[in-house]
């Protein structure tokens, strides 16, 4: 065994949106922290290969889409010329700026940052492998924040550079003439939107009867109608049963009621069928940490595992697999280690699909209420009645409130439309603060804004929305 042995109070394994906030807060609370990650700076998948680069490219797609849309108003732009090299450079500059900034914040907090791969030897010891060899790190407490990776289709796996996942698609190897996206979830639709804006004829195949399974259908239907004008085709209730590489591309064999051509050739295929937790090959068998059948590490309200010295947060600790959920869990774990009385118990974890239009929701959904057989009232406000939406020429949106019929408490919020992700935070606050519909109704919202749609949805619950005539039934 190597002679190089270090010690720390808190070891954080993984520098993503769960790991680095946990490390930063633990350091702010006066603990000695060591942060271990494979990358040269903190950031994780989110900053390097996920949330941030994808949103940078989605912004480009939005600009292109709005430029084309402007022809409806009498403002016509020429078709954009795509400089792929500069586009890649700009995307990477965004990543480097943010990850570099996190590196500086880590140094300012005097966190020991180790670039390497960590595995558990026992409940108090890590082996860290890096370019210079191995070292041993002794710790009092550890926070596991190893994230997740793209899921694969083992029965359809072929070794070809034409097959992409959510990570390699962000590299923008080229702008293919045609591309098939396997999986109609939010990741596939976001990346499909980017490639479609750049000029690719994008087709989507989804084995379920609707896109983004799990979300309320009235929200998804708004997005689906727009995507039908952007994508070449959307094939629901359809499975991919075979793939084979040929000179011109990937020959894909499809099976389903909506399939017009059972076999088609695509220049590239993007597989987006979910993500799997990174809970393997970490030496957890040398601890009491428990893993469920799906690979998620089991934790309690403080994010503590069955091994008292080890905590787990983020994607590796269960769904929803969202960056902001990981951040909140990381802060809970750090505070728990520092001796504070805390628990992870949010009522509303927001989720946003960054397509165009965006979909955002938090708290209880209609779908969940139906499954739970829970009585609710739904107050809807269509954006066709929003003055601001009309000025944007985007009246295809909808805002709805899920309300307890007895207490009038807001249980959930759903929004579809441009900027829905920026609007949902008011809904999160309303749910977390146990606000009543009357609280939102009586809160004066600025005019003309899209945020007014939340106020008017609350007014609609009482049957007196200013811009929608829908009397409340007695």
Protein backbone atom coordinates (compact mmCIF):
# COMPACT_ATOMS: atom_id res chain seq x y z
CA UNK A 1 0.00 0.00 0.00
CA UNK A 2 1.22 3.51 -0.81
CA UNK A 3 2.83 5.60 1.93
CA UNK A 4 1.01 8.74 0.77
CA UNK A 5 -1.82 9.04 3.30
CA UNK A 6 -3.95 12.15 3.83
CA UNK A 7 -6.80 12.84 6.20
CA UNK A 8 -9.86 15.09 6.10
CA UNK A 9 -13.06 15.69 8.02
CA UNK A 10 -15.33 15.52 4.97
CA UNK A 11 -14.57 13.76 1.69
CA UNK A 12 -16.89 14.57 -1.19
CA UNK A 13 -16.73 12.11 -4.09
CA UNK A 14 -17.99 13.83 -7.23
CA UNK A 15 -17.82 17.51 -8.13
CA UNK A 16 -21.16 17.97 -9.86
CA UNK A 17 -24.12 20.18 -8.87
CA UNK A 18 -24.62 18.08 -5.76
CA UNK A 19 -21.00 17.55 -4.81
CA UNK A 20 -19.50 21.01 -5.10
CA UNK A 21 -22.34 22.83 -3.25
CA UNK A 22 -22.03 20.22 -0.48
CA UNK A 23 -18.27 20.76 -0.32
CA UNK A 24 -18.60 24.55 -0.40
CA UNK A 25 -21.20 24.67 2.39
CA UNK A 26 -19.29 22.20 4.54
CA UNK A 27 -16.22 24.44 4.19
CA UNK A 28 -18.32 27.53 4.98
CA UNK A 29 -19.47 25.76 8.15
CA UNK A 30 -15.88 25.39 9.29
CA UNK A 31 -15.11 21.80 8.27
CA UNK A 32 -11.96 20.65 6.50
CA UNK A 33 -13.12 19.38 3.10
CA UNK A 34 -11.53 17.33 0.34
CA UNK A 35 -13.33 17.24 -3.02
CA UNK A 36 -12.46 14.45 -5.47
CA UNK A 37 -13.46 14.45 -9.14
CA UNK A 38 -12.11 13.21 -12.48
CA UNK A 39 -12.20 16.68 -14.07
CA UNK A 40 -9.64 19.47 -13.53
CA UNK A 41 -12.31 21.68 -11.92
CA UNK A 42 -15.67 21.12 -10.21
CA UNK A 43 -18.77 21.10 -12.37
CA UNK A 44 -19.66 17.50 -13.06
CA UNK A 45 -21.80 16.25 -15.92
CA UNK A 46 -24.15 19.23 -15.58
CA UNK A 47 -21.54 21.84 -16.40
CA UNK A 48 -19.24 19.80 -18.63
CA UNK A 49 -21.60 17.57 -20.59
CA UNK A 50 -25.19 18.32 -19.63
CA UNK A 51 -27.28 21.22 -18.38
CA UNK A 52 -25.00 24.10 -19.29
CA UNK A 53 -23.74 23.18 -22.80
CA UNK A 54 -27.20 21.97 -23.81
CA UNK A 55 -28.80 25.24 -22.69
CA UNK A 56 -26.12 27.21 -24.52
CA UNK A 57 -27.04 25.37 -27.72
CA UNK A 58 -30.76 25.69 -27.02
CA UNK A 59 -30.27 29.45 -26.83
CA UNK A 60 -28.73 29.34 -30.31
CA UNK A 61 -31.70 27.30 -31.50
CA UNK A 62 -34.09 29.85 -29.98
CA UNK A 63 -32.38 32.74 -31.78
CA UNK A 64 -32.59 30.91 -35.11
CA UNK A 65 -36.23 29.99 -34.52
CA UNK A 66 -37.21 33.55 -33.55
CA UNK A 67 -35.41 34.98 -36.57
CA UNK A 68 -37.48 32.74 -38.83
CA UNK A 69 -40.66 33.49 -36.89
CA UNK A 70 -40.13 37.24 -37.35
CA UNK A 71 -41.23 36.96 -40.98
CA UNK A 72 -44.81 36.85 -39.62
CA UNK A 73 -44.33 40.41 -38.39
CA UNK A 74 -42.83 41.76 -41.59
CA UNK A 75 -39.20 41.42 -40.51
CA UNK A 76 -37.31 38.98 -42.70
CA UNK A 77 -33.78 37.74 -42.06
CA UNK A 78 -31.71 35.68 -44.45
CA UNK A 79 -31.13 32.02 -43.56
CA UNK A 80 -28.34 31.73 -40.97
CA UNK A 81 -24.89 30.51 -41.89
CA UNK A 82 -23.66 28.03 -39.30
CA UNK A 83 -19.96 28.18 -38.44
CA UNK A 84 -19.75 24.92 -36.53
CA UNK A 85 -16.22 25.49 -35.27
CA UNK A 86 -17.10 28.87 -33.75
CA UNK A 87 -20.29 27.44 -32.30
CA UNK A 88 -18.33 24.66 -30.58
CA UNK A 89 -15.77 27.19 -29.33
CA UNK A 90 -18.47 29.43 -27.88
CA UNK A 91 -20.17 26.49 -26.14
CA UNK A 92 -16.83 25.38 -24.67
CA UNK A 93 -16.03 28.92 -23.55
CA UNK A 94 -19.24 28.93 -21.51
CA UNK A 95 -18.24 25.63 -19.90
CA UNK A 96 -14.68 26.77 -19.18
CA UNK A 97 -15.82 30.07 -17.70
CA UNK A 98 -18.18 28.41 -15.25
CA UNK A 99 -15.98 25.46 -14.28
CA UNK A 100 -12.96 27.73 -13.95
CA UNK A 101 -14.96 29.98 -11.66
CA UNK A 102 -15.85 27.01 -9.48
CA UNK A 103 -12.18 26.10 -9.30
CA UNK A 104 -11.43 29.58 -7.95
CA UNK A 105 -14.27 29.38 -5.42
CA UNK A 106 -12.90 26.03 -4.26
CA UNK A 107 -9.46 27.56 -3.66
CA UNK A 108 -10.95 30.57 -1.88
CA UNK A 109 -12.66 28.21 0.54
CA UNK A 110 -9.37 26.34 1.05
CA UNK A 111 -10.89 23.08 -0.09
CA UNK A 112 -8.38 20.37 -1.01
CA UNK A 113 -9.23 19.43 -4.59
CA UNK A 114 -7.94 16.11 -5.92
CA UNK A 115 -8.34 15.18 -9.57
CA UNK A 116 -8.76 11.43 -9.60
CA UNK A 117 -11.02 8.44 -9.11
CA UNK A 118 -12.02 7.39 -5.60
CA UNK A 119 -13.12 3.99 -4.29
CA UNK A 120 -13.99 2.94 -0.75
CA UNK A 121 -11.64 0.58 1.08
CA UNK A 122 -13.73 0.74 4.26
CA UNK A 123 -16.19 3.16 5.99
CA UNK A 124 -13.35 5.60 6.77
CA UNK A 125 -10.88 5.14 3.91
CA UNK A 126 -10.72 6.00 0.20
CA UNK A 127 -8.21 4.94 -2.41
CA UNK A 128 -7.69 7.68 -4.99
CA UNK A 129 -6.16 6.88 -8.36
CA UNK A 130 -4.76 9.68 -10.50
CA UNK A 131 -2.09 10.27 -13.12
CA UNK A 132 0.70 10.29 -10.55
CA UNK A 133 -0.35 7.02 -8.95
CA UNK A 134 -2.40 6.23 -5.85
CA UNK A 135 -2.98 7.79 -2.47
CA UNK A 136 -5.06 6.99 0.59
CA UNK A 137 -7.53 9.45 2.10
CA UNK A 138 -8.81 8.94 5.64
CA UNK A 139 -12.12 10.67 6.38
CA UNK A 140 -14.56 11.18 9.23
CA UNK A 141 -17.57 11.58 6.92
CA UNK A 142 -18.00 11.10 3.16
CA UNK A 143 -20.61 12.39 0.73
CA UNK A 144 -21.17 10.25 -2.36
CA UNK A 145 -22.15 12.43 -5.32
CA UNK A 146 -21.14 10.36 -8.34
CA UNK A 147 -24.16 11.25 -10.48
CA UNK A 148 -25.44 9.23 -13.42
CA UNK A 149 -24.68 8.26 -17.01
CA UNK A 150 -26.76 7.82 -20.17
CA UNK A 151 -28.67 4.54 -20.32
CA UNK A 152 -28.05 2.27 -23.30
CA UNK A 153 -30.04 -0.18 -25.39
CA UNK A 154 -27.99 -3.37 -25.01
CA UNK A 155 -30.06 -5.33 -27.52
CA UNK A 156 -29.46 -2.65 -30.16
CA UNK A 157 -25.88 -1.76 -29.36
CA UNK A 158 -23.62 -1.34 -32.38
CA UNK A 159 -20.16 0.19 -32.40
CA UNK A 160 -20.47 3.18 -34.70
CA UNK A 161 -19.56 6.87 -34.46
CA UNK A 162 -22.94 7.56 -36.08
CA UNK A 163 -24.66 6.42 -32.87
CA UNK A 164 -24.74 9.24 -30.31
CA UNK A 165 -25.90 9.67 -26.74
CA UNK A 166 -26.74 12.83 -24.83
CA UNK A 167 -23.04 13.44 -24.14
CA UNK A 168 -21.57 12.92 -27.61
CA UNK A 169 -24.44 14.81 -29.27
CA UNK A 170 -23.29 17.97 -27.46
CA UNK A 171 -19.92 17.72 -29.21
CA UNK A 172 -21.66 18.70 -32.48
CA UNK A 173 -19.53 16.40 -34.66
CA UNK A 174 -21.44 17.68 -37.71
CA UNK A 175 -24.88 18.78 -38.83
CA UNK A 176 -26.35 15.61 -40.33
CA UNK A 177 -29.02 15.81 -42.99
CA UNK A 178 -31.17 13.31 -41.11
CA UNK A 179 -31.24 12.07 -37.52
CA UNK A 180 -33.42 9.70 -35.52
CA UNK A 181 -33.92 10.41 -31.83
CA UNK A 182 -34.77 7.25 -29.89
CA UNK A 183 -36.72 8.34 -26.84
CA UNK A 184 -39.34 11.05 -26.53
CA UNK A 185 -38.25 12.28 -23.13
CA UNK A 186 -37.03 15.77 -22.31
CA UNK A 187 -33.34 15.15 -23.14
CA UNK A 188 -34.06 13.74 -26.59
CA UNK A 189 -36.52 16.52 -27.41
CA UNK A 190 -34.14 19.26 -26.25
CA UNK A 191 -31.25 17.92 -28.34
CA UNK A 192 -33.57 17.20 -31.25
CA UNK A 193 -34.68 20.85 -31.12
CA UNK A 194 -31.05 22.00 -31.36
CA UNK A 195 -30.24 19.86 -34.39
CA UNK A 196 -33.54 20.74 -36.11
CA UNK A 197 -32.76 24.46 -35.75
CA UNK A 198 -29.32 23.90 -37.24
CA UNK A 199 -30.88 22.28 -40.32
CA UNK A 200 -31.20 18.55 -39.58
CA UNK A 201 -34.37 16.69 -40.49
CA UNK A 202 -35.14 15.15 -37.09
CA UNK A 203 -37.46 12.21 -36.47
CA UNK A 204 -38.44 10.99 -33.02
CA UNK A 205 -39.51 7.50 -32.01
CA UNK A 206 -41.18 6.85 -28.66
CA UNK A 207 -42.54 3.50 -27.47
CA UNK A 208 -45.20 5.13 -25.25
CA UNK A 209 -48.44 6.71 -26.59
CA UNK A 210 -47.21 10.25 -25.86
CA UNK A 211 -44.07 12.34 -25.54
CA UNK A 212 -42.52 12.96 -22.11
CA UNK A 213 -44.41 10.22 -20.28
CA UNK A 214 -45.41 11.22 -16.76
CA UNK A 215 -46.17 14.87 -17.45
CA UNK A 216 -49.77 16.08 -17.72
CA UNK A 217 -51.12 15.61 -21.23
CA UNK A 218 -52.62 19.10 -21.58
CA UNK A 219 -49.15 20.60 -21.10
CA UNK A 220 -47.40 18.09 -23.36
CA UNK A 221 -50.00 18.48 -26.12
CA UNK A 222 -49.06 22.16 -26.55
CA UNK A 223 -45.42 21.21 -27.04
CA UNK A 224 -46.29 18.28 -29.31
CA UNK A 225 -48.26 20.48 -31.70
CA UNK A 226 -45.27 22.79 -32.12
CA UNK A 227 -42.75 19.97 -32.44
CA UNK A 228 -44.86 18.49 -35.24
CA UNK A 229 -44.04 21.62 -37.24
CA UNK A 230 -40.32 21.47 -36.37
CA UNK A 231 -39.53 17.76 -36.63
CA UNK A 232 -39.79 15.64 -39.74
CA UNK A 233 -41.90 13.06 -37.90
CA UNK A 234 -42.92 11.91 -34.41
CA UNK A 235 -43.66 8.20 -34.20
CA UNK A 236 -45.49 7.15 -31.02
CA UNK A 237 -46.25 3.61 -29.88
CA UNK A 238 -43.22 2.62 -31.91
CA UNK A 239 -40.18 0.49 -31.11
CA UNK A 240 -36.75 0.23 -32.67
CA UNK A 241 -36.17 -3.49 -33.25
CA UNK A 242 -32.94 -3.37 -35.25
CA UNK A 243 -30.04 -1.15 -36.33
CA UNK A 244 -27.28 -1.81 -38.83
CA UNK A 245 -24.57 0.50 -40.14
CA UNK A 246 -24.29 0.98 -43.88
CA UNK A 247 -22.25 3.26 -46.09
CA UNK A 248 -24.91 6.01 -46.12
CA UNK A 249 -25.82 5.80 -42.46
CA UNK A 250 -27.67 3.65 -39.94
CA UNK A 251 -30.45 1.44 -41.24
CA UNK A 252 -33.12 1.37 -38.55
CA UNK A 253 -35.91 -1.17 -38.39
CA UNK A 254 -39.08 0.18 -36.76
CA UNK A 255 -42.18 -1.56 -35.48
CA UNK A 256 -45.43 0.25 -34.69
CA UNK A 257 -48.83 1.35 -35.93
CA UNK A 258 -47.61 4.78 -37.11
CA UNK A 259 -44.66 3.43 -39.08
CA UNK A 260 -45.05 4.09 -42.80
CA UNK A 261 -41.64 2.69 -43.77
CA UNK A 262 -40.51 -0.21 -41.55
CA UNK A 263 -36.87 0.40 -42.50
CA UNK A 264 -35.27 3.81 -42.91
CA UNK A 265 -31.72 5.13 -43.12
CA UNK A 266 -30.54 8.01 -40.95
CA UNK A 267 -27.15 9.72 -41.04
CA UNK A 268 -27.07 9.71 -37.26
CA UNK A 269 -29.04 8.11 -34.43
CA UNK A 270 -29.31 9.74 -31.01
CA UNK A 271 -30.21 7.38 -28.16
CA UNK A 272 -31.88 9.13 -25.22
CA UNK A 273 -33.63 6.50 -23.13
CA UNK A 274 -32.91 7.80 -19.64
CA UNK A 275 -29.98 7.71 -17.23
CA UNK A 276 -28.51 5.19 -14.78
CA UNK A 277 -26.97 5.97 -11.38
CA UNK A 278 -23.20 5.66 -11.03
CA UNK A 279 -23.22 3.33 -8.02
CA UNK A 280 -21.02 0.54 -9.35
CA UNK A 281 -17.25 0.02 -9.01
CA UNK A 282 -17.00 2.38 -6.05
CA UNK A 283 -16.03 -0.17 -3.42
CA UNK A 284 -19.41 0.15 -1.71
CA UNK A 285 -19.32 -3.57 -1.05
CA UNK A 286 -16.66 -2.73 1.55
CA UNK A 287 -19.25 -0.72 3.47
CA UNK A 288 -22.82 -1.21 4.73
CA UNK A 289 -24.23 1.05 2.00
CA UNK A 290 -27.38 -0.45 0.48
CA UNK A 291 -28.29 -0.24 -3.21
CA UNK A 292 -31.76 -0.99 -4.60
CA UNK A 293 -32.51 -3.05 -7.71
CA UNK A 294 -32.35 0.04 -9.94
CA UNK A 295 -28.90 0.96 -8.67
CA UNK A 296 -29.89 3.86 -6.41
CA UNK A 297 -28.14 4.25 -3.06
CA UNK A 298 -30.64 4.14 -0.19
CA UNK A 299 -30.62 7.19 2.13
CA UNK A 300 -32.62 8.69 4.99
CA UNK A 301 -33.97 12.22 5.43
CA UNK A 302 -30.47 13.55 6.20
CA UNK A 303 -29.13 11.73 3.09
CA UNK A 304 -27.27 9.27 5.35
CA UNK A 305 -26.81 5.74 4.03
CA UNK A 306 -26.95 2.51 6.03
CA UNK A 307 -23.26 3.20 6.73
CA UNK A 308 -23.34 6.01 9.34
CA UNK A 309 -20.17 7.68 8.02
CA UNK A 310 -21.35 7.85 4.39
CA UNK A 311 -24.00 10.11 2.86
CA UNK A 312 -25.30 10.06 -0.74
CA UNK A 313 -26.89 12.83 -2.79
CA UNK A 314 -28.02 13.64 -6.31
CA UNK A 315 -28.70 11.21 -9.15
CA UNK A 316 -26.99 8.31 -7.38
CA UNK A 317 -29.43 8.68 -4.46
CA UNK A 318 -32.68 8.50 -6.41
CA UNK A 319 -35.14 10.37 -8.54
CA UNK A 320 -35.90 12.98 -9.66
CA UNK A 321 -32.50 13.11 -11.35
CA UNK A 322 -32.24 16.89 -11.47
CA UNK A 323 -29.30 19.21 -10.78
CA UNK A 324 -31.17 21.52 -8.42
CA UNK A 325 -32.46 18.58 -6.41
CA UNK A 326 -28.86 17.39 -6.03
CA UNK A 327 -27.77 20.86 -4.88
CA UNK A 328 -30.44 20.96 -2.18
CA UNK A 329 -29.57 17.44 -1.02
CA UNK A 330 -25.90 18.38 -0.90
CA UNK A 331 -26.60 21.30 1.38
CA UNK A 332 -28.76 19.10 3.63
CA UNK A 333 -25.96 16.51 3.92
CA UNK A 334 -23.36 19.18 4.69
CA UNK A 335 -25.51 20.69 7.42
CA UNK A 336 -26.28 17.28 8.89
CA UNK A 337 -22.56 16.47 9.07
CA UNK A 338 -21.98 19.85 10.76
CA UNK A 339 -24.46 18.83 13.46
CA UNK A 340 -27.46 20.89 12.40
CA UNK A 341 -31.03 19.58 12.60
CA UNK A 342 -32.06 19.35 8.97
CA UNK A 343 -34.00 17.05 6.67
CA UNK A 344 -34.63 16.75 2.96
CA UNK A 345 -38.39 17.21 2.72
CA UNK A 346 -39.34 19.52 -0.17
CA UNK A 347 -42.97 19.75 -1.22
CA UNK A 348 -42.19 21.00 -4.71
CA UNK A 349 -39.12 20.03 -6.72
CA UNK A 350 -39.53 21.94 -10.01
CA UNK A 351 -38.92 20.23 -13.34
CA UNK A 352 -38.35 22.10 -16.59
CA UNK A 353 -38.27 20.86 -20.18
CA UNK A 354 -36.21 23.45 -22.08
CA UNK A 355 -37.81 22.93 -25.47
CA UNK A 356 -39.79 25.59 -27.32
CA UNK A 357 -42.26 26.02 -25.75
CA UNK A 358 -40.87 25.13 -22.36
CA UNK A 359 -42.81 22.98 -19.90
CA UNK A 360 -42.40 23.55 -16.16
CA UNK A 361 -44.18 22.00 -13.22
CA UNK A 362 -43.88 21.60 -9.47
CA UNK A 363 -45.75 19.94 -6.67
CA UNK A 364 -48.72 17.68 -7.34
CA UNK A 365 -49.67 17.07 -10.96
CA UNK A 366 -53.08 16.17 -12.34
CA UNK A 367 -51.70 12.79 -13.36
CA UNK A 368 -50.48 12.06 -9.83
CA UNK A 369 -53.75 13.24 -8.29
CA UNK A 370 -55.67 10.90 -10.58
CA UNK A 371 -53.43 7.97 -9.68
CA UNK A 372 -53.82 8.77 -5.97
CA UNK A 373 -57.59 9.30 -6.39
CA UNK A 374 -57.12 12.60 -4.64
CA UNK A 375 -59.82 15.27 -5.10
CA UNK A 376 -58.52 18.47 -6.70
CA UNK A 377 -59.72 21.52 -8.55
CA UNK A 378 -57.79 22.70 -11.60
CA UNK A 379 -57.75 26.39 -12.53
CA UNK A 380 -56.49 27.08 -16.04
CA UNK A 381 -55.59 30.30 -17.80
CA UNK A 382 -54.92 30.07 -21.55
CA UNK A 383 -52.19 32.33 -22.89
CA UNK A 384 -54.44 33.30 -25.78
CA UNK A 385 -56.02 35.67 -23.21
CA UNK A 386 -52.66 37.11 -22.13
CA UNK A 387 -51.80 40.51 -23.55
CA UNK A 388 -48.08 39.84 -23.16
CA UNK A 389 -48.34 36.50 -24.96
CA UNK A 390 -50.15 38.24 -27.84
CA UNK A 391 -47.38 40.84 -28.14
CA UNK A 392 -44.88 37.97 -28.37
CA UNK A 393 -47.02 36.18 -30.95
CA UNK A 394 -46.88 33.13 -28.69
CA UNK A 395 -50.40 32.44 -27.53
CA UNK A 396 -49.93 28.67 -27.47
CA UNK A 397 -49.21 28.57 -23.72
CA UNK A 398 -51.17 27.53 -20.66
CA UNK A 399 -50.87 28.12 -16.91
CA UNK A 400 -52.72 25.95 -14.42
CA UNK A 401 -52.99 25.62 -10.67
CA UNK A 402 -53.76 22.36 -8.85
CA UNK A 403 -55.85 23.34 -5.83
CA UNK A 404 -57.24 21.51 -2.80
CA UNK A 405 -61.03 21.99 -3.11
CA UNK A 406 -61.60 22.21 0.65
CA UNK A 407 -58.69 24.33 1.90
CA UNK A 408 -58.05 26.16 -1.41
CA UNK A 409 -54.36 25.50 -0.87
CA UNK A 410 -52.17 25.38 -3.99
CA UNK A 411 -50.82 21.84 -4.33
CA UNK A 412 -49.11 22.13 -7.70
CA UNK A 413 -48.46 24.37 -10.69
CA UNK A 414 -48.00 23.54 -14.37
CA UNK A 415 -46.96 25.94 -17.12
CA UNK A 416 -46.26 25.48 -20.82
CA UNK A 417 -45.03 28.35 -22.95
CA UNK A 418 -41.91 30.41 -23.68
CA UNK A 419 -40.06 31.15 -20.45
CA UNK A 420 -42.06 28.67 -18.37
CA UNK A 421 -38.87 27.70 -16.55
CA UNK A 422 -38.45 31.27 -15.31
CA UNK A 423 -42.08 31.47 -14.19
CA UNK A 424 -42.28 28.24 -12.19
CA UNK A 425 -40.35 29.54 -9.17
CA UNK A 426 -43.39 31.50 -8.02
CA UNK A 427 -45.29 28.24 -8.10
CA UNK A 428 -42.57 26.51 -6.06
CA UNK A 429 -42.77 29.24 -3.43
CA UNK A 430 -46.56 29.03 -3.35
CA UNK A 431 -46.52 25.27 -2.78
CA UNK A 432 -43.71 25.37 -0.21
CA UNK A 433 -45.37 28.22 1.72
CA UNK A 434 -48.78 26.48 1.63
CA UNK A 435 -50.23 29.52 -0.15
CA UNK A 436 -53.93 29.66 -0.91
CA UNK A 437 -55.34 30.47 -4.31
CA UNK A 438 -56.50 33.75 -2.78
CA UNK A 439 -52.89 34.61 -1.83
CA UNK A 440 -51.83 34.43 -5.47
CA UNK A 441 -55.02 36.15 -6.62
CA UNK A 442 -54.46 39.12 -4.29
CA UNK A 443 -50.75 39.46 -5.11
CA UNK A 444 -50.48 42.26 -7.68
CA UNK A 445 -48.51 41.11 -10.73
CA UNK A 446 -46.89 43.56 -13.18
CA UNK A 447 -48.66 44.20 -16.47
CA UNK A 448 -48.11 43.23 -19.20
CA UNK A 449 -46.15 40.11 -18.24
CA UNK A 450 -46.49 36.37 -18.54
CA UNK A 451 -46.31 36.16 -14.75
CA UNK A 452 -49.85 37.58 -14.70
CA UNK A 453 -51.08 34.22 -15.96
CA UNK A 454 -50.51 32.78 -12.48
CA UNK A 455 -52.61 35.51 -10.90
CA UNK A 456 -55.35 35.13 -13.49
CA UNK A 457 -55.37 31.35 -13.08
CA UNK A 458 -56.04 31.96 -9.37
CA UNK A 459 -58.78 34.45 -10.33
CA UNK A 460 -60.24 31.81 -12.66
CA UNK A 461 -60.54 29.44 -9.70
CA UNK A 462 -62.94 31.92 -8.11
CA UNK A 463 -64.77 32.48 -11.40
CA UNK A 464 -63.76 36.11 -11.98
CA UNK A 465 -60.65 36.15 -14.15
CA UNK A 466 -60.47 39.55 -15.85
CA UNK A 467 -59.56 38.23 -19.29
CA UNK A 468 -61.42 34.91 -19.35
CA UNK A 469 -65.17 34.60 -18.81
CA UNK A 470 -65.65 31.38 -16.92
CA UNK A 471 -68.07 31.84 -14.00
CA UNK A 472 -67.55 29.55 -11.05
CA UNK A 473 -70.31 27.00 -10.70
CA UNK A 474 -72.40 27.41 -7.57
